[in-house]
Amino acid sequence: MAGQISKNARREGAKELMSRWGGKIVMKTRFQNGRLKHYAVCEKTGKEARRPKDLM
């Protein structure tokens, strides 16, 4: 699993995470409703989730 790494640390690429479909999970950020929203994306399938753990 992802362990105890914050969303911000994963955003910077501190650790490589793999999804259940075999793609690399990357954290992205978007500006929405006046706030920064972090979300995880599987590079292979393009699926998005709030946390990387949801894609594992």
PDB file of N, CA and C in Angstrom:
ATOM      1  N   MET A   1       0.828  -1.191   0.000  1.00  0.00           N
ATOM      2  CA  MET A   1       0.000   0.000   0.000  1.00  0.00           C
ATOM      3  C   MET A   1       0.871   1.254   0.000  1.00  0.00           C
ATOM      4  N   ALA A   2       0.215   2.391   0.039  1.00  0.00           N
ATOM      5  CA  ALA A   2       0.926   3.660  -0.051  1.00  0.00           C
ATOM      6  C   ALA A   2       1.697   3.998   1.210  1.00  0.00           C
ATOM      7  N   GLY A   3       1.277   3.477   2.357  1.00  0.00           N
ATOM      8  CA  GLY A   3       1.980   3.774   3.597  1.00  0.00           C
ATOM      9  C   GLY A   3       1.616   5.143   4.125  1.00  0.00           C
ATOM     10  N   GLN A   4       2.466   5.695   4.957  1.00  0.00           N
ATOM     11  CA  GLN A   4       2.194   6.977   5.593  1.00  0.00           C
ATOM     12  C   GLN A   4       2.916   8.114   4.869  1.00  0.00           C
ATOM     13  N   ILE A   5       2.580   8.351   3.623  1.00  0.00           N
ATOM     14  CA  ILE A   5       3.172   9.434   2.846  1.00  0.00           C
ATOM     15  C   ILE A   5       2.061  10.424   2.534  1.00  0.00           C
ATOM     16  N   SER A   6       2.301  11.704   2.771  1.00  0.00           N
ATOM     17  CA  SER A   6       1.265  12.704   2.537  1.00  0.00           C
ATOM     18  C   SER A   6       0.997  12.854   1.040  1.00  0.00           C
ATOM     19  N   LYS A   7      -0.168  13.430   0.709  1.00  0.00           N
ATOM     20  CA  LYS A   7      -0.506  13.685  -0.691  1.00  0.00           C
ATOM     21  C   LYS A   7       0.520  14.611  -1.327  1.00  0.00           C
ATOM     22  N   ASN A   8       1.000  15.589  -0.556  1.00  0.00           N
ATOM     23  CA  ASN A   8       1.982  16.523  -1.099  1.00  0.00           C
ATOM     24  C   ASN A   8       3.303  15.837  -1.407  1.00  0.00           C
ATOM     25  N   ALA A   9       3.735  14.912  -0.573  1.00  0.00           N
ATOM     26  CA  ALA A   9       4.978  14.189  -0.825  1.00  0.00           C
ATOM     27  C   ALA A   9       4.844  13.331  -2.076  1.00  0.00           C
ATOM     28  N   ARG A  10       3.688  12.699  -2.265  1.00  0.00           N
ATOM     29  CA  ARG A  10       3.480  11.891  -3.470  1.00  0.00           C
ATOM     30  C   ARG A  10       3.406  12.775  -4.697  1.00  0.00           C
ATOM     31  N   ARG A  11       2.911  13.977  -4.529  1.00  0.00           N
ATOM     32  CA  ARG A  11       2.823  14.934  -5.646  1.00  0.00           C
ATOM     33  C   ARG A  11       4.211  15.246  -6.184  1.00  0.00           C
ATOM     34  N   GLU A  12       5.196  15.284  -5.311  1.00  0.00           N
ATOM     35  CA  GLU A  12       6.570  15.592  -5.712  1.00  0.00           C
ATOM     36  C   GLU A  12       7.298  14.383  -6.275  1.00  0.00           C
ATOM     37  N   GLY A  13       6.702  13.189  -6.222  1.00  0.00           N
ATOM     38  CA  GLY A  13       7.336  12.006  -6.788  1.00  0.00           C
ATOM     39  C   GLY A  13       8.332  11.351  -5.859  1.00  0.00           C
ATOM     40  N   ALA A  14       8.092  11.410  -4.557  1.00  0.00           N
ATOM     41  CA  ALA A  14       9.016  10.820  -3.587  1.00  0.00           C
ATOM     42  C   ALA A  14       9.045   9.300  -3.692  1.00  0.00           C
ATOM     43  N   LYS A  15       7.972   8.682  -4.169  1.00  0.00           N
ATOM     44  CA  LYS A  15       7.891   7.235  -4.227  1.00  0.00           C
ATOM     45  C   LYS A  15       7.089   6.816  -5.457  1.00  0.00           C
ATOM     46  N   GLU A  16       7.533   5.754  -6.138  1.00  0.00           N
ATOM     47  CA  GLU A  16       6.815   5.238  -7.303  1.00  0.00           C
ATOM     48  C   GLU A  16       5.693   4.322  -6.843  1.00  0.00           C
ATOM     49  N   LEU A  17       4.482   4.589  -7.285  1.00  0.00           N
ATOM     50  CA  LEU A  17       3.328   3.771  -6.927  1.00  0.00           C
ATOM     51  C   LEU A  17       2.755   3.143  -8.189  1.00  0.00           C
ATOM     52  N   MET A  18       2.332   1.885  -8.094  1.00  0.00           N
ATOM     53  CA  MET A  18       1.767   1.182  -9.241  1.00  0.00           C
ATOM     54  C   MET A  18       0.287   0.895  -8.998  1.00  0.00           C
ATOM     55  N   SER A  19      -0.523   1.038 -10.041  1.00  0.00           N
ATOM     56  CA  SER A  19      -1.951   0.776  -9.926  1.00  0.00           C
ATOM     57  C   SER A  19      -2.235  -0.707 -10.135  1.00  0.00           C
ATOM     58  N   ARG A  20      -3.465  -1.099  -9.871  1.00  0.00           N
ATOM     59  CA  ARG A  20      -3.830  -2.515 -10.046  1.00  0.00           C
ATOM     60  C   ARG A  20      -3.858  -2.910 -11.525  1.00  0.00           C
ATOM     61  N   TRP A  21      -3.869  -1.934 -12.435  1.00  0.00           N
ATOM     62  CA  TRP A  21      -3.856  -2.221 -13.874  1.00  0.00           C
ATOM     63  C   TRP A  21      -2.445  -2.208 -14.448  1.00  0.00           C
ATOM     64  N   GLY A  22      -1.445  -1.989 -13.591  1.00  0.00           N
ATOM     65  CA  GLY A  22      -0.058  -2.048 -14.034  1.00  0.00           C
ATOM     66  C   GLY A  22       0.535  -0.727 -14.460  1.00  0.00           C
ATOM     67  N   GLY A  23      -0.218   0.355 -14.365  1.00  0.00           N
ATOM     68  CA  GLY A  23       0.304   1.667 -14.730  1.00  0.00           C
ATOM     69  C   GLY A  23       0.865   2.399 -13.524  1.00  0.00           C
ATOM     70  N   LYS A  24       1.671   3.412 -13.786  1.00  0.00           N
ATOM     71  CA  LYS A  24       2.245   4.209 -12.713  1.00  0.00           C
ATOM     72  C   LYS A  24       1.208   5.230 -12.235  1.00  0.00           C
ATOM     73  N   ILE A  25       1.115   5.414 -10.921  1.00  0.00           N
ATOM     74  CA  ILE A  25       0.192   6.398 -10.355  1.00  0.00           C
ATOM     75  C   ILE A  25       0.949   7.699 -10.143  1.00  0.00           C
ATOM     76  N   VAL A  26       0.411   8.782 -10.682  1.00  0.00           N
ATOM     77  CA  VAL A  26       0.998  10.103 -10.480  1.00  0.00           C
ATOM     78  C   VAL A  26      -0.038  10.998  -9.819  1.00  0.00           C
ATOM     79  N   MET A  27       0.446  11.905  -8.978  1.00  0.00           N
ATOM     80  CA  MET A  27      -0.429  12.875  -8.333  1.00  0.00           C
ATOM     81  C   MET A  27      -0.442  14.145  -9.175  1.00  0.00           C
ATOM     82  N   LYS A  28      -1.626  14.707  -9.359  1.00  0.00           N
ATOM     83  CA  LYS A  28      -1.778  15.958 -10.087  1.00  0.00           C
ATOM     84  C   LYS A  28      -2.570  16.919  -9.218  1.00  0.00           C
ATOM     85  N   THR A  29      -2.522  18.195  -9.568  1.00  0.00           N
ATOM     86  CA  THR A  29      -3.215  19.224  -8.812  1.00  0.00           C
ATOM     87  C   THR A  29      -3.993  20.102  -9.777  1.00  0.00           C
ATOM     88  N   ARG A  30      -5.221  20.448  -9.375  1.00  0.00           N
ATOM     89  CA  ARG A  30      -6.001  21.394 -10.169  1.00  0.00           C
ATOM     90  C   ARG A  30      -6.559  22.460  -9.245  1.00  0.00           C
ATOM     91  N   PHE A  31      -6.774  23.643  -9.783  1.00  0.00           N
ATOM     92  CA  PHE A  31      -7.351  24.748  -9.023  1.00  0.00           C
ATOM     93  C   PHE A  31      -8.846  24.728  -9.285  1.00  0.00           C
ATOM     94  N   GLN A  32      -9.645  24.505  -8.226  1.00  0.00           N
ATOM     95  CA  GLN A  32     -11.084  24.342  -8.389  1.00  0.00           C
ATOM     96  C   GLN A  32     -11.792  25.004  -7.213  1.00  0.00           C
ATOM     97  N   ASN A  33     -12.748  25.844  -7.489  1.00  0.00           N
ATOM     98  CA  ASN A  33     -13.522  26.556  -6.464  1.00  0.00           C
ATOM     99  C   ASN A  33     -12.624  27.318  -5.486  1.00  0.00           C
ATOM    100  N   GLY A  34     -11.583  27.930  -6.002  1.00  0.00           N
ATOM    101  CA  GLY A  34     -10.696  28.730  -5.172  1.00  0.00           C
ATOM    102  C   GLY A  34      -9.744  27.931  -4.296  1.00  0.00           C
ATOM    103  N   ARG A  35      -9.638  26.626  -4.519  1.00  0.00           N
ATOM    104  CA  ARG A  35      -8.760  25.774  -3.707  1.00  0.00           C
ATOM    105  C   ARG A  35      -7.940  24.874  -4.619  1.00  0.00           C
ATOM    106  N   LEU A  36      -6.792  24.417  -4.109  1.00  0.00           N
ATOM    107  CA  LEU A  36      -5.990  23.431  -4.822  1.00  0.00           C
ATOM    108  C   LEU A  36      -6.506  22.042  -4.462  1.00  0.00           C
ATOM    109  N   LYS A  37      -6.828  21.249  -5.458  1.00  0.00           N
ATOM    110  CA  LYS A  37      -7.312  19.888  -5.244  1.00  0.00           C
ATOM    111  C   LYS A  37      -6.280  18.913  -5.791  1.00  0.00           C
ATOM    112  N   HIS A  38      -5.805  17.997  -4.940  1.00  0.00           N
ATOM    113  CA  HIS A  38      -4.878  16.952  -5.363  1.00  0.00           C
ATOM    114  C   HIS A  38      -5.691  15.725  -5.752  1.00  0.00           C
ATOM    115  N   TYR A  39      -5.256  15.038  -6.805  1.00  0.00           N
ATOM    116  CA  TYR A  39      -5.901  13.795  -7.197  1.00  0.00           C
ATOM    117  C   TYR A  39      -4.876  12.880  -7.851  1.00  0.00           C
ATOM    118  N   ALA A  40      -5.180  11.584  -7.833  1.00  0.00           N
ATOM    119  CA  ALA A  40      -4.274  10.581  -8.387  1.00  0.00           C
ATOM    120  C   ALA A  40      -4.780  10.149  -9.759  1.00  0.00           C
ATOM    121  N   VAL A  41      -3.846   9.869 -10.660  1.00  0.00           N
ATOM    122  CA  VAL A  41      -4.190   9.425 -12.012  1.00  0.00           C
ATOM    123  C   VAL A  41      -3.322   8.223 -12.365  1.00  0.00           C
ATOM    124  N   CYS A  42      -3.949   7.192 -12.928  1.00  0.00           N
ATOM    125  CA  CYS A  42      -3.211   6.056 -13.465  1.00  0.00           C
ATOM    126  C   CYS A  42      -2.786   6.426 -14.879  1.00  0.00           C
ATOM    127  N   GLU A  43      -1.482   6.391 -15.151  1.00  0.00           N
ATOM    128  CA  GLU A  43      -0.995   6.788 -16.481  1.00  0.00           C
ATOM    129  C   GLU A  43      -1.412   5.808 -17.573  1.00  0.00           C
ATOM    130  N   LYS A  44      -1.607   4.545 -17.235  1.00  0.00           N
ATOM    131  CA  LYS A  44      -1.945   3.542 -18.240  1.00  0.00           C
ATOM    132  C   LYS A  44      -3.411   3.644 -18.673  1.00  0.00           C
ATOM    133  N   THR A  45      -4.332   3.768 -17.693  1.00  0.00           N
ATOM    134  CA  THR A  45      -5.764   3.757 -18.013  1.00  0.00           C
ATOM    135  C   THR A  45      -6.391   5.137 -18.002  1.00  0.00           C
ATOM    136  N   GLY A  46      -5.767   6.097 -17.327  1.00  0.00           N
ATOM    137  CA  GLY A  46      -6.339   7.436 -17.248  1.00  0.00           C
ATOM    138  C   GLY A  46      -7.386   7.593 -16.159  1.00  0.00           C
ATOM    139  N   LYS A  47      -7.573   6.576 -15.334  1.00  0.00           N
ATOM    140  CA  LYS A  47      -8.550   6.655 -14.248  1.00  0.00           C
ATOM    141  C   LYS A  47      -8.069   7.631 -13.184  1.00  0.00           C
ATOM    142  N   GLU A  48      -9.029   8.378 -12.593  1.00  0.00           N
ATOM    143  CA  GLU A  48      -8.716   9.351 -11.553  1.00  0.00           C
ATOM    144  C   GLU A  48      -9.347   8.929 -10.238  1.00  0.00           C
ATOM    145  N   ALA A  49      -8.689   9.269  -9.141  1.00  0.00           N
ATOM    146  CA  ALA A  49      -9.214   9.004  -7.800  1.00  0.00           C
ATOM    147  C   ALA A  49      -8.673  10.069  -6.860  1.00  0.00           C
ATOM    148  N   ARG A  50      -9.333  10.238  -5.733  1.00  0.00           N
ATOM    149  CA  ARG A  50      -8.900  11.237  -4.767  1.00  0.00           C
ATOM    150  C   ARG A  50      -7.586  10.842  -4.104  1.00  0.00           C
ATOM    151  N   ARG A  51      -7.414   9.551  -3.829  1.00  0.00           N
ATOM    152  CA  ARG A  51      -6.208   9.044  -3.179  1.00  0.00           C
ATOM    153  C   ARG A  51      -5.579   7.957  -4.053  1.00  0.00           C
ATOM    154  N   PRO A  52      -4.249   7.824  -4.036  1.00  0.00           N
ATOM    155  CA  PRO A  52      -3.605   6.749  -4.792  1.00  0.00           C
ATOM    156  C   PRO A  52      -4.048   5.366  -4.329  1.00  0.00           C
ATOM    157  N   LYS A  53      -4.365   5.233  -3.049  1.00  0.00           N
ATOM    158  CA  LYS A  53      -4.793   3.944  -2.495  1.00  0.00           C
ATOM    159  C   LYS A  53      -6.046   3.427  -3.211  1.00  0.00           C
ATOM    160  N   ASP A  54      -6.891   4.319  -3.702  1.00  0.00           N
ATOM    161  CA  ASP A  54      -8.108   3.921  -4.401  1.00  0.00           C
ATOM    162  C   ASP A  54      -7.813   3.271  -5.754  1.00  0.00           C
ATOM    163  N   LEU A  55      -6.631   3.495  -6.301  1.00  0.00           N
ATOM    164  CA  LEU A  55      -6.248   2.911  -7.595  1.00  0.00           C
ATOM    165  C   LEU A  55      -5.418   1.654  -7.437  1.00  0.00           C
ATOM    166  N   MET A  56      -5.049   1.303  -6.207  1.00  0.00           N
ATOM    167  CA  MET A  56      -4.202   0.126  -5.979  1.00  0.00           C
ATOM    168  C   MET A  56      -5.027  -1.121  -5.832  1.00  0.00           C
TER     169      MET A  56
END
